Protein backbone atom coordinates (compact mmCIF):
# COMPACT_ATOMS: atom_id res chain seq x y z
CA MET A 1 -38.91 -51.93 247.23
CA ALA A 2 -39.32 -48.28 248.10
CA LYS A 3 -36.27 -46.03 247.89
CA PRO A 4 -34.81 -44.79 251.18
CA ASP A 5 -35.72 -41.19 251.97
CA ILE A 6 -32.20 -40.00 251.26
CA LEU A 7 -32.32 -41.39 247.69
CA GLN A 8 -35.73 -39.91 247.03
CA ALA A 9 -34.31 -36.55 248.05
CA MET A 10 -31.38 -36.72 245.60
CA PRO A 11 -31.66 -33.78 243.22
CA SER A 12 -31.18 -33.41 239.49
CA LEU A 13 -27.97 -31.48 239.43
CA GLY A 14 -27.70 -28.26 237.53
CA ASP A 15 -24.74 -26.93 235.61
CA GLN A 16 -23.41 -25.09 238.67
CA GLU A 17 -23.24 -28.04 241.04
CA THR A 18 -21.35 -31.34 241.14
CA TRP A 19 -22.23 -34.50 243.05
CA GLU A 20 -19.29 -33.82 245.36
CA GLU A 21 -20.64 -30.37 246.15
CA TRP A 22 -24.10 -31.77 246.78
CA PHE A 23 -22.70 -34.48 249.08
CA GLU A 24 -20.69 -31.98 251.08
CA GLY A 25 -23.87 -29.98 251.68
CA LEU A 26 -25.56 -32.92 253.45
CA SER A 27 -25.79 -33.35 257.19
CA SER A 28 -23.61 -35.91 258.96
CA ILE A 29 -26.64 -38.20 259.43
CA GLU A 30 -27.48 -38.07 255.70
CA LYS A 31 -23.85 -38.80 254.79
CA ALA A 32 -23.87 -41.81 257.12
CA ASP A 33 -27.06 -43.12 255.51
CA ILE A 34 -25.53 -42.91 252.05
CA SER A 35 -22.30 -44.57 253.21
CA GLU A 36 -24.32 -47.49 254.57
CA LEU A 37 -26.26 -47.84 251.32
CA VAL A 38 -23.21 -47.97 249.07
CA LYS A 39 -21.55 -50.78 251.05
CA GLY A 40 -23.59 -53.34 249.11
CA LEU A 41 -22.98 -51.76 245.71
CA PRO A 42 -20.19 -52.80 243.32
CA LYS A 43 -16.98 -50.93 244.03
CA VAL A 44 -16.20 -50.67 240.33
CA GLY A 45 -18.09 -51.22 237.10
CA PRO A 46 -17.33 -51.42 233.38
CA MET A 47 -15.94 -48.42 231.53
CA GLU A 48 -18.28 -46.57 229.22
CA GLY A 49 -17.72 -47.68 225.65
CA PRO A 50 -16.78 -51.11 224.27
CA GLN A 51 -16.20 -52.66 227.69
CA GLN A 52 -19.67 -51.64 228.89
CA ARG A 53 -21.26 -52.92 225.67
CA ALA A 54 -19.45 -56.23 226.13
CA TYR A 55 -20.53 -56.38 229.78
CA ASN A 56 -24.17 -55.90 228.78
CA SER A 57 -24.07 -58.07 225.64
CA GLU A 58 -26.71 -60.80 225.40
CA ALA A 59 -24.46 -63.11 223.36
CA ASP A 60 -24.00 -66.68 224.52
CA VAL A 61 -20.44 -66.54 223.20
CA LEU A 62 -18.67 -63.18 223.13
CA GLY A 63 -15.35 -62.29 221.58
CA TYR A 64 -13.77 -59.12 222.96
CA GLY A 65 -10.64 -57.11 222.30
CA GLY A 66 -8.74 -57.35 219.05
CA ALA A 67 -6.04 -54.95 220.29
CA ALA A 68 -3.76 -54.60 223.30
CA GLY A 69 -4.82 -52.54 226.31
CA GLY A 70 -8.58 -52.55 225.76
CA GLY A 71 -9.44 -53.80 229.25
CA LYS A 72 -9.93 -57.47 228.39
CA SER A 73 -8.82 -58.93 231.72
CA ALA A 74 -10.81 -56.33 233.67
CA LEU A 75 -13.97 -57.29 231.76
CA LEU A 76 -13.58 -60.92 232.84
CA ALA A 77 -12.96 -59.90 236.44
CA LEU A 78 -16.05 -57.66 236.53
CA LEU A 79 -18.32 -60.31 235.06
CA ALA A 80 -17.06 -62.91 237.54
CA LEU A 81 -17.68 -60.55 240.46
CA HIS A 82 -21.02 -59.04 239.56
CA GLU A 83 -22.87 -61.20 237.02
CA HIS A 84 -22.03 -64.83 237.72
CA THR A 85 -21.98 -67.35 240.55
CA ARG A 86 -19.49 -70.00 239.43
CA THR A 87 -16.70 -68.81 237.14
CA VAL A 88 -13.77 -70.60 235.53
CA ILE A 89 -11.08 -68.66 233.68
CA PHE A 90 -8.48 -70.29 231.41
CA ARG A 91 -5.24 -69.35 229.77
CA ASP A 92 -2.65 -71.58 228.18
CA ASP A 93 -0.45 -71.11 231.25
CA ALA A 94 -2.29 -70.54 234.54
CA THR A 95 0.59 -68.47 235.96
CA GLN A 96 -0.14 -65.82 233.31
CA LEU A 97 -3.47 -65.11 235.04
CA SER A 98 -1.80 -63.48 238.05
CA GLY A 99 -2.54 -59.99 236.75
CA LEU A 100 -6.21 -60.83 236.26
CA ILE A 101 -6.40 -62.20 239.81
CA ASP A 102 -4.88 -58.93 241.01
CA ASP A 103 -7.72 -57.10 239.23
CA VAL A 104 -10.29 -59.28 240.99
CA VAL A 105 -8.72 -58.55 244.38
CA GLN A 106 -8.61 -54.83 243.66
CA PHE A 107 -12.23 -54.72 242.49
CA PHE A 108 -13.49 -56.94 245.32
CA GLY A 109 -11.55 -55.13 248.01
CA THR A 110 -10.22 -58.07 250.05
CA THR A 111 -8.16 -61.26 249.74
CA HIS A 112 -10.33 -63.14 252.19
CA GLY A 113 -11.24 -66.46 250.54
CA LEU A 114 -8.41 -66.28 247.99
CA ASN A 115 -6.16 -69.32 247.55
CA ARG A 116 -3.59 -68.64 244.84
CA GLN A 117 -1.84 -71.98 245.27
CA ASN A 118 -4.97 -74.04 244.62
CA LYS A 119 -6.33 -71.47 242.17
CA TYR A 120 -9.71 -70.56 243.63
CA PHE A 121 -11.41 -67.57 245.23
CA TYR A 122 -14.50 -68.04 247.43
CA PHE A 123 -15.91 -64.54 247.71
CA GLY A 124 -18.37 -65.16 250.53
CA ASP A 125 -20.60 -62.21 249.65
CA ARG A 126 -23.46 -64.47 248.48
CA PRO A 127 -24.13 -68.21 248.49
CA GLY A 128 -21.91 -70.23 246.17
CA HIS A 129 -20.15 -67.21 244.67
CA MET A 130 -16.69 -68.36 243.61
CA MET A 131 -14.07 -68.30 240.86
CA GLU A 132 -11.38 -70.77 239.86
CA TRP A 133 -8.80 -70.80 237.12
CA GLY A 134 -6.36 -73.03 235.30
CA GLY A 135 -4.14 -73.63 232.27
CA LEU A 136 -4.84 -75.55 229.06
CA GLY A 137 -1.37 -75.59 227.54
CA ASN A 138 -0.54 -79.24 228.21
CA PRO A 139 -2.13 -82.30 226.58
CA GLY A 140 -5.10 -83.48 228.60
CA ASP A 141 -5.38 -80.33 230.75
CA GLU A 142 -9.01 -79.93 229.69
CA THR A 143 -9.99 -83.35 231.05
CA LYS A 144 -9.33 -82.16 234.63
CA TRP A 145 -12.44 -79.98 234.33
CA GLN A 146 -14.78 -82.62 232.96
CA GLY A 147 -18.19 -82.56 234.61
CA ARG A 148 -17.53 -79.42 236.64
CA ALA A 149 -20.38 -77.01 235.94
CA HIS A 150 -19.79 -73.26 235.61
CA ASP A 151 -22.17 -70.54 234.49
CA PHE A 152 -19.30 -68.37 233.21
CA LEU A 153 -16.46 -69.81 231.10
CA ALA A 154 -13.80 -67.27 230.21
CA ALA A 155 -10.62 -67.68 228.19
CA ASP A 156 -8.02 -64.91 228.24
CA GLU A 157 -5.69 -64.58 225.21
CA VAL A 158 -7.64 -67.37 223.58
CA THR A 159 -5.42 -67.45 220.48
CA ASN A 160 -2.98 -69.53 222.53
CA ILE A 161 -5.58 -72.23 223.23
CA PRO A 162 -6.81 -74.89 220.76
CA ARG A 163 -10.41 -74.39 219.73
CA ARG A 164 -11.32 -78.04 220.31
CA LYS A 165 -10.44 -77.78 224.01
CA LEU A 166 -12.72 -74.79 224.57
CA MET A 167 -15.63 -76.27 222.62
CA TRP A 168 -15.33 -79.47 224.68
CA LEU A 169 -15.25 -77.54 227.97
CA MET A 170 -18.38 -75.62 227.01
CA THR A 171 -20.24 -78.90 227.47
CA TRP A 172 -20.41 -78.04 231.17
CA LEU A 173 -21.48 -74.42 230.75
CA ARG A 174 -24.61 -74.68 232.88
CA SER A 175 -26.09 -73.72 236.26
CA PRO A 176 -28.53 -75.33 238.72
CA ILE A 177 -29.62 -71.86 239.86
CA ARG A 178 -32.91 -70.79 238.31
CA GLY A 179 -32.49 -67.57 236.38
CA GLN A 180 -28.67 -67.63 236.43
CA ARG A 181 -27.35 -66.64 233.02
CA CYS A 182 -24.65 -68.78 231.38
CA ARG A 183 -22.13 -67.42 228.88
CA ALA A 184 -18.62 -67.75 227.48
CA VAL A 185 -16.25 -64.87 226.79
CA PHE A 186 -13.08 -65.18 224.69
CA THR A 187 -10.60 -62.29 224.76
CA PHE A 188 -7.80 -62.01 222.23
CA ASN A 189 -5.51 -59.92 220.09
CA PRO A 190 -4.99 -60.77 216.40
CA PRO A 191 -3.15 -64.09 216.07
CA GLY A 192 0.38 -64.02 214.73
CA ASN A 193 1.26 -64.12 211.06
CA VAL A 194 2.18 -67.24 209.17
CA ASP A 195 5.94 -67.77 209.40
CA GLU A 196 7.21 -67.15 205.88
CA ALA A 197 10.35 -69.21 206.44
CA THR A 198 8.79 -72.35 207.91
CA GLY A 199 5.16 -72.01 206.84
CA LYS A 200 4.08 -72.61 210.43
CA VAL A 201 0.57 -71.33 211.10
CA PRO A 202 -0.13 -69.82 214.55
CA LEU A 203 -2.43 -71.85 216.75
CA GLY A 204 -4.96 -69.07 217.25
CA ARG A 205 -5.98 -68.48 213.65
CA TRP A 206 -9.18 -70.38 214.39
CA VAL A 207 -10.66 -67.14 215.81
CA ILE A 208 -10.70 -65.71 212.27
CA SER A 209 -13.21 -68.29 211.05
CA PHE A 210 -15.07 -68.50 214.39
CA PHE A 211 -15.73 -64.74 214.42
CA ALA A 212 -15.54 -64.29 210.63
CA PRO A 213 -18.68 -62.11 210.22
CA TRP A 214 -17.09 -59.47 212.46
CA ILE A 215 -13.35 -59.61 211.70
CA ASP A 216 -12.92 -61.07 208.20
CA GLU A 217 -13.60 -58.35 205.65
CA ARG A 218 -14.00 -61.03 202.96
CA HIS A 219 -17.07 -62.49 204.67
CA PRO A 220 -20.09 -62.37 202.32
CA ASN A 221 -22.44 -61.18 205.08
CA PRO A 222 -20.42 -58.99 207.49
CA ALA A 223 -21.76 -58.14 210.96
CA GLN A 224 -21.49 -54.92 212.94
CA PRO A 225 -19.58 -54.91 216.27
CA GLY A 226 -21.87 -56.31 218.96
CA GLU A 227 -24.46 -57.57 216.45
CA LEU A 228 -25.83 -60.96 217.43
CA ARG A 229 -25.55 -63.82 214.96
CA PHE A 230 -26.89 -67.31 215.57
CA PHE A 231 -25.23 -70.69 215.01
CA HIS A 232 -26.13 -74.36 215.14
CA THR A 233 -23.88 -77.39 215.00
CA ASN A 234 -25.30 -79.39 212.09
CA ASP A 235 -25.61 -83.14 211.67
CA GLU A 236 -22.08 -83.27 210.29
CA GLY A 237 -20.66 -81.69 213.46
CA LEU A 238 -19.92 -78.37 211.75
CA SER A 239 -20.85 -74.91 212.97
CA GLU A 240 -23.19 -73.13 210.57
CA GLU A 241 -24.84 -69.73 210.74
CA THR A 242 -28.62 -69.70 210.96
CA THR A 243 -31.45 -67.50 212.24
CA LYS A 244 -32.66 -66.76 215.75
CA ASP A 245 -35.89 -68.69 215.18
CA ASP A 246 -34.22 -71.85 213.87
CA VAL A 247 -35.13 -74.18 216.75
CA ARG A 248 -34.19 -77.75 215.86
CA GLU A 249 -35.43 -81.08 217.14
CA ILE A 250 -32.90 -83.67 218.22
CA LYS A 251 -33.73 -87.30 218.88
CA PHE A 252 -32.13 -89.55 221.47
CA PRO A 253 -31.65 -93.33 221.03
CA ASN A 254 -34.45 -94.01 223.54
CA GLY A 255 -36.91 -92.06 221.41
CA ASP A 256 -36.96 -88.85 223.47
CA THR A 257 -36.77 -85.56 221.62
CA ARG A 258 -35.65 -82.06 222.60
CA MET A 259 -36.01 -78.71 220.90
CA ILE A 260 -32.64 -76.94 220.73
CA PRO A 261 -32.39 -73.19 219.99
CA PRO A 262 -29.31 -71.79 218.23
CA ARG A 263 -26.46 -70.28 220.24
CA SER A 264 -25.77 -66.57 219.76
CA ARG A 265 -22.33 -65.18 219.06
CA THR A 266 -20.78 -61.72 218.65
CA PHE A 267 -17.52 -59.79 218.70
CA ILE A 268 -16.85 -56.33 220.15
CA PRO A 269 -13.52 -54.65 219.33
CA ALA A 270 -11.65 -52.52 221.86
CA THR A 271 -8.30 -50.72 221.79
CA ALA A 272 -6.08 -48.99 224.31
CA LEU A 273 -7.71 -45.69 223.31
CA ASP A 274 -11.02 -47.02 224.68
CA ASN A 275 -9.41 -47.61 228.08
CA THR A 276 -9.55 -44.43 230.18
CA TYR A 277 -7.13 -45.98 232.66
CA GLN A 278 -4.48 -46.79 230.08
CA SER A 279 -1.28 -44.75 230.32
CA ALA A 280 0.04 -42.58 227.54
CA GLU A 281 3.37 -44.40 227.79
CA TYR A 282 1.70 -47.75 227.01
CA ILE A 283 -0.01 -46.31 223.94
CA GLN A 284 3.28 -44.79 222.85
CA ASN A 285 4.97 -48.19 223.21
CA LEU A 286 2.33 -49.78 220.97
CA TYR A 287 2.72 -47.00 218.40
CA SER A 288 6.48 -47.60 218.37
CA LEU A 289 6.09 -51.22 217.23
CA GLU A 290 7.11 -52.12 213.70
CA GLU A 291 4.49 -53.20 211.20
CA PRO A 292 2.51 -55.42 211.07
CA PHE A 293 2.63 -55.55 214.88
CA ARG A 294 1.66 -51.90 215.33
CA SER A 295 -1.53 -52.28 213.31
CA GLN A 296 -2.38 -55.51 215.08
CA MET A 297 -1.67 -54.47 218.68
CA LEU A 298 -2.61 -50.78 218.57
CA TYR A 299 -5.53 -50.82 216.15
CA GLY A 300 -6.64 -54.44 216.36
CA SER A 301 -6.22 -54.98 212.62
CA PHE A 302 -6.73 -58.52 211.33
CA LYS A 303 -5.85 -57.70 207.70
CA GLN A 304 -2.26 -58.85 207.91
CA VAL A 305 -3.05 -62.22 209.50
CA ILE A 306 -5.91 -62.85 207.08
CA SER A 307 -3.69 -62.24 204.06
CA ASP A 308 -2.48 -65.22 202.07
CA HIS A 309 0.75 -67.03 202.78
CA PRO A 310 3.33 -66.29 200.05
CA LYS A 311 3.36 -69.99 199.15
CA GLN A 312 -0.35 -70.66 199.39
CA ALA A 313 -1.19 -73.10 196.61
CA ILE A 314 -4.53 -71.51 195.68
CA PRO A 315 -5.08 -67.78 196.36
CA SER A 316 -8.06 -67.06 198.61
CA LYS A 317 -9.36 -64.31 196.35
CA TRP A 318 -9.70 -66.72 193.42
CA VAL A 319 -11.66 -69.19 195.56
CA ASP A 320 -13.91 -66.38 196.84
CA GLU A 321 -14.61 -65.19 193.28
CA ALA A 322 -15.51 -68.74 192.19
CA MET A 323 -17.92 -69.05 195.13
CA GLU A 324 -19.50 -65.68 194.33
CA ARG A 325 -20.21 -66.88 190.77
CA TRP A 326 -22.02 -69.99 192.01
CA THR A 327 -25.82 -70.12 191.80
CA PRO A 328 -28.12 -72.90 193.06
CA ASP A 329 -29.49 -73.60 189.58
CA GLY A 330 -26.07 -73.94 187.95
CA ALA A 331 -26.58 -77.63 187.16
CA ARG A 332 -29.56 -76.87 184.95
CA ASN A 333 -28.98 -77.94 181.34
CA ARG A 334 -25.65 -79.51 182.33
CA THR A 335 -24.61 -83.13 182.57
CA MET A 336 -22.63 -84.37 185.56
CA SER A 337 -19.06 -85.03 184.46
CA ALA A 338 -17.44 -86.65 187.49
CA VAL A 339 -17.65 -87.27 191.23
CA GLY A 340 -14.54 -87.03 193.36
CA LEU A 341 -14.70 -89.47 196.30
CA ASP A 342 -12.48 -89.04 199.36
CA VAL A 343 -13.13 -91.89 201.79
CA ALA A 344 -12.97 -91.28 205.55
CA ARG A 345 -9.90 -92.66 207.27
CA GLY A 346 -11.45 -92.70 210.74
CA GLY A 347 -11.69 -90.16 213.55
CA ILE A 348 -14.65 -88.25 214.88
CA ARG A 349 -13.99 -85.30 212.57
CA SER A 350 -13.45 -87.32 209.41
CA PHE A 351 -16.01 -87.49 206.60
CA THR A 352 -16.43 -89.42 203.39
CA CYS A 353 -16.93 -86.64 200.86
CA ALA A 354 -18.28 -86.68 197.32
CA ALA A 355 -17.75 -83.67 195.04
CA PRO A 356 -20.11 -83.66 192.02
CA ARG A 357 -18.80 -81.69 189.03
CA TYR A 358 -20.74 -80.51 185.98
CA GLY A 359 -18.10 -79.25 183.57
CA LEU A 360 -16.50 -76.48 185.63
CA TRP A 361 -19.55 -75.96 187.87
CA PHE A 362 -19.26 -77.82 191.16
CA ASP A 363 -22.33 -78.82 193.13
CA LYS A 364 -22.45 -78.78 196.95
CA ILE A 365 -20.18 -81.26 198.65
CA GLN A 366 -22.04 -84.35 199.88
CA ARG A 367 -20.75 -85.66 203.22
CA ARG A 368 -21.21 -88.75 205.33
CA LYS A 369 -19.70 -89.30 208.75
CA GLY A 370 -16.93 -91.87 208.79
CA SER A 371 -19.09 -93.99 211.09
CA GLU A 372 -21.75 -94.09 208.34
CA THR A 373 -19.33 -95.47 205.74
CA PRO A 374 -17.31 -98.05 207.75
CA THR A 375 -16.74 -100.36 204.76
CA GLY A 376 -15.74 -99.93 201.13
CA ARG A 377 -19.20 -101.11 200.09
CA ASP A 378 -20.84 -98.36 202.18
CA ALA A 379 -18.60 -95.70 200.64
CA ALA A 380 -19.25 -97.06 197.13
CA SER A 381 -23.03 -97.02 197.69
CA PHE A 382 -22.81 -93.42 198.84
CA ALA A 383 -20.83 -92.42 195.74
CA MET A 384 -23.29 -94.17 193.41
CA SER A 385 -26.19 -92.32 195.06
CA VAL A 386 -24.48 -89.02 194.19
CA ALA A 387 -23.33 -89.83 190.64
CA LEU A 388 -25.77 -89.06 187.83
CA ASN A 389 -25.71 -89.65 184.06
CA ARG A 390 -22.94 -92.25 184.30
CA ALA A 391 -20.55 -89.67 185.71
CA ARG A 392 -17.07 -91.04 186.35
CA ILE A 393 -16.37 -91.73 190.04
CA VAL A 394 -12.77 -90.90 190.98
CA VAL A 395 -11.50 -92.55 194.18
CA ASP A 396 -8.51 -91.75 196.38
CA MET A 397 -6.81 -95.17 196.51
CA ASN A 398 -4.76 -94.56 199.62
CA GLY A 399 -5.72 -97.01 202.36
CA VAL A 400 -9.47 -97.36 202.87
CA GLY A 401 -10.29 -96.05 199.40
CA VAL A 402 -9.23 -99.37 197.87
CA GLY A 403 -12.30 -101.09 199.30
CA ALA A 404 -14.61 -98.48 197.77
CA TYR A 405 -12.86 -98.81 194.40
CA GLU A 406 -13.20 -102.60 194.39
CA SER A 407 -16.87 -102.39 195.40
CA LEU A 408 -17.56 -99.98 192.55
CA GLU A 409 -15.84 -102.32 190.10
CA GLY A 410 -17.85 -105.23 191.45
CA ALA A 411 -21.05 -103.29 190.86
CA GLY A 412 -20.18 -102.83 187.19
CA ILE A 413 -19.07 -99.21 187.62
CA ASN A 414 -15.93 -98.06 185.81
CA PRO A 415 -14.20 -96.02 188.56
CA LEU A 416 -10.92 -94.17 188.26
CA GLY A 417 -8.46 -94.85 191.08
CA ILE A 418 -5.84 -92.25 192.00
CA PHE A 419 -2.73 -92.57 194.14
CA PRO A 420 -2.17 -88.88 195.13
CA GLY A 421 1.39 -89.42 196.36
CA ALA A 422 2.58 -91.18 193.21
CA ARG A 423 4.96 -89.44 190.83
CA SER A 424 3.53 -87.30 188.06
CA SER A 425 5.21 -89.01 185.09
CA GLY A 426 2.70 -89.91 182.42
CA MET A 427 0.17 -87.17 183.13
CA HIS A 428 -0.70 -84.62 180.48
CA PRO A 429 1.44 -81.52 181.00
CA LEU A 430 -0.36 -78.41 182.21
CA PRO A 431 -0.05 -75.14 180.26
CA GLY A 432 3.35 -73.60 180.84
CA ARG A 433 4.61 -77.06 181.79
CA PRO A 434 5.21 -76.41 185.50
CA LYS A 435 7.38 -79.01 187.20
CA LEU A 436 5.07 -81.05 189.45
CA TYR A 437 6.27 -83.73 191.85
CA ASN A 438 3.22 -86.01 192.09
CA TRP A 439 -0.46 -86.36 191.24
CA ARG A 440 -1.52 -84.33 194.29
CA ALA A 441 0.57 -81.40 193.07
CA TRP A 442 -0.80 -81.85 189.54
CA GLY A 443 -4.40 -81.74 190.78
CA TYR A 444 -3.95 -78.67 192.97
CA TRP A 445 -2.01 -76.81 190.28
CA LEU A 446 -4.70 -77.62 187.72
CA LEU A 447 -7.37 -76.10 189.98
CA ARG A 448 -5.11 -73.10 190.60
CA MET A 449 -4.86 -72.54 186.84
CA LEU A 450 -8.59 -73.01 186.32
CA LEU A 451 -9.37 -70.44 189.02
CA ASN A 452 -6.88 -67.88 187.73
CA PRO A 453 -9.10 -64.98 186.57
CA GLU A 454 -6.73 -64.22 183.69
CA ARG A 455 -7.75 -67.51 182.07
CA HIS A 456 -11.48 -66.68 182.17
CA MET A 457 -12.53 -70.28 182.88
CA ASN A 458 -15.44 -69.14 185.09
CA VAL A 459 -15.16 -71.98 187.56
CA CYS A 460 -18.05 -72.04 190.05
CA LEU A 461 -17.54 -73.45 193.56
CA PRO A 462 -20.34 -73.82 196.14
CA PRO A 463 -20.11 -71.29 199.01
CA ASP A 464 -18.86 -73.39 201.90
CA ASP A 465 -16.51 -72.29 204.71
CA ARG A 466 -15.14 -75.79 205.18
CA LEU A 467 -14.37 -76.20 201.48
CA ARG A 468 -12.81 -72.74 201.40
CA ASP A 469 -10.48 -73.60 204.27
CA ASP A 470 -9.55 -76.89 202.60
CA LEU A 471 -8.59 -75.21 199.33
CA CYS A 472 -6.90 -72.11 200.79
CA THR A 473 -4.85 -73.75 203.53
CA PRO A 474 -2.39 -76.02 201.63
CA LEU A 475 1.04 -74.57 200.93
CA TYR A 476 3.45 -75.56 198.18
CA ASP A 477 7.18 -76.09 198.23
CA ASP A 478 9.38 -75.75 195.15
CA ASP A 479 12.78 -75.72 196.89
CA VAL A 480 13.24 -79.50 197.00
CA HIS A 481 13.09 -82.40 194.53
CA GLY A 482 14.88 -80.49 191.79
CA GLY A 483 12.55 -77.51 191.89
CA LYS A 484 9.40 -79.59 191.38
CA ILE A 485 6.26 -78.28 193.07
CA LEU A 486 5.15 -80.33 196.08
CA ILE A 487 1.85 -79.71 197.92
CA GLU A 488 1.72 -79.95 201.71
CA SER A 489 0.79 -83.45 202.84
CA LYS A 490 -2.59 -84.34 204.30
CA ASP A 491 -0.96 -85.34 207.57
CA ASP A 492 0.68 -81.92 207.95
CA LEU A 493 -2.56 -80.18 207.03
CA ARG A 494 -4.44 -82.27 209.59
CA LYS A 495 -2.06 -81.04 212.29
CA ARG A 496 -2.63 -77.40 211.32
CA LEU A 497 -6.38 -77.52 210.72
CA GLY A 498 -7.22 -80.08 213.39
CA ARG A 499 -9.08 -82.15 210.79
CA SER A 500 -8.66 -83.74 207.40
CA THR A 501 -9.11 -81.74 204.17
CA ASP A 502 -11.72 -84.17 202.83
CA ASP A 503 -13.85 -81.62 200.96
CA GLY A 504 -10.97 -80.02 199.10
CA ASP A 505 -9.44 -83.36 198.18
CA ALA A 506 -12.74 -84.56 196.75
CA VAL A 507 -12.88 -81.48 194.50
CA ILE A 508 -9.32 -82.11 193.31
CA LEU A 509 -10.10 -85.76 192.60
CA SER A 510 -13.07 -84.80 190.44
CA LEU A 511 -10.66 -83.11 188.01
CA ALA A 512 -8.69 -86.29 187.31
CA GLU A 513 -10.22 -86.85 183.85
CA PHE A 514 -8.15 -83.94 182.55
CA MET A 515 -5.04 -86.08 182.95
CA VAL A 516 -5.98 -87.58 179.59
CA GLU A 517 -4.50 -85.58 176.74
CA GLN A 518 -7.67 -85.43 174.65
CA ASP A 519 -9.79 -84.11 177.52
CA ALA A 520 -7.08 -81.67 178.58
CA ARG A 521 -6.86 -80.20 175.09
CA ARG A 522 -10.64 -79.76 174.97
CA LEU A 523 -10.49 -77.94 178.28
CA TRP A 524 -7.76 -75.43 177.47
CA HIS A 525 -8.85 -74.79 173.91
CA ARG A 526 -12.28 -73.51 175.05
CA PRO A 527 -11.31 -71.02 177.77
CA ASN A 528 -14.35 -68.74 177.82
CA THR A 529 -17.31 -71.07 177.50
CA ASN A 530 -17.18 -73.22 180.62
CA ARG A 531 -18.36 -76.03 178.38
CA ILE A 532 -19.39 -79.39 179.74
CA VAL A 533 -16.66 -81.99 179.38
CA ARG A 534 -17.97 -85.55 179.15
CA PRO A 535 -15.96 -88.26 180.92
CA ARG A 536 -14.22 -90.78 178.75
CA ALA A 537 -15.83 -94.21 178.82
CA SER A 538 -12.73 -96.08 177.67
CA LYS A 539 -10.39 -97.96 179.96
CA PHE A 540 -7.18 -96.27 181.07
CA SER A 541 -4.03 -98.32 181.19
CA SER A 542 -2.76 -98.87 184.72
CA ASN A 543 0.52 -97.29 185.77
CA GLU A 544 2.15 -95.94 188.94
CA TRP A 545 -0.36 -93.16 189.55
CA MET A 546 -3.67 -94.34 188.19
CA SER A 547 -5.81 -97.46 188.26
CA ALA A 548 -8.90 -98.08 186.18
């Protein structure tokens, strides 16, 4: 389309003239022509800087903000008005979106089509252009939106919303309009710190792992702000980073196949200093906050919330160092010592996990969906397929693990059965003789000691985000039961993580052979060699914590 004559005549301004001066020099007819042209143009656009980069980002899923006052709500309003046809915006409480709706009204210029009571805005400037909003703070709120397609899904202050709800709602991120882009944008500040008194973990800490390449300085492959990274959901239902060209084939039960590209993700930080409309008083208020809130809200720092809880059973740094030491060929010239088997207890996010151990070098965790190991025989067959060189299979005997243990015995295997909640009497004392309440505490404290860099045991753990979370999340309590150390229960961990710590528990189980005094002495008396420890072939006597 050719430019109107008035636009073709627009000059390149010199240093001595402003656009206002040029406009004032036009005739009344030329001014009227320009006024008519600008009626169809956006009344406001993104600010230069982070907000503009976020507005123009090609990411399928964008995280934006990290600090207070960076224009997060305005970004969502601008995208809904100018880039998308059907928008839905969520917060944990829908009433908290009133300020964002005010931004939309201000940017759009009219309230015609707005219905605050029923939470929708039909703009009427082009076919189908609309926005609606809602809350996700109550159980089942997400189901009200099932099947309702939107090409723009936004979540404001996303650290107050469970991750599982947003991932489920993204199922309907689609559009029937050819060429209409679909995307999701999550805005947030750093989540709160772990409560030192209660150990309660804030709901929104999931953003740390979801956007780890951009905000977690411990990530092995950090990303620059705005850099696109690509992710697939693997066969185990877990998000894993991949490459842009990793297009995967999926098969449907009827035999049809589809090629699925990865979904891109990025994070762009913004602070109040990036917002040209932010008042000096607001910035002063943020600066006046006490630490760690000042660093979090003014600078968008995630360091404080990423730091370990004071009663974290296994320090994150020690786990990271063990994963950095790991190499793919570590099993070479080693004999498999044991396999820890944690059997799925049901649920769509539960896995039967096997942790192969070669001395103090751990191979990658082998997983099977709970639906693939519905019986003890299935779980036992899986464990036997992992175990090599007559490695001892150690089974969690709580509930469904009993069937796997019995099937292994029936197959002529000599498994070791562990009751993690049973008292620790009878186990070989650990160095320093810490007071430990039960076998679960004994196993976690043993791994803690093995990972302690001062002991130079050179434990190697496979790099795995899920395993890392499993090992670094549990807290300990030594204020009850006569000062004995107690590790957080699996049920409590499941509530905090939203899933079971199957991988970490399998690793702990694989260390059970060191309960035997002879094997324990061999372990601690050779601290620098990381020597292979062969499993004992003899029968253990049954007692309250062990079955063999």
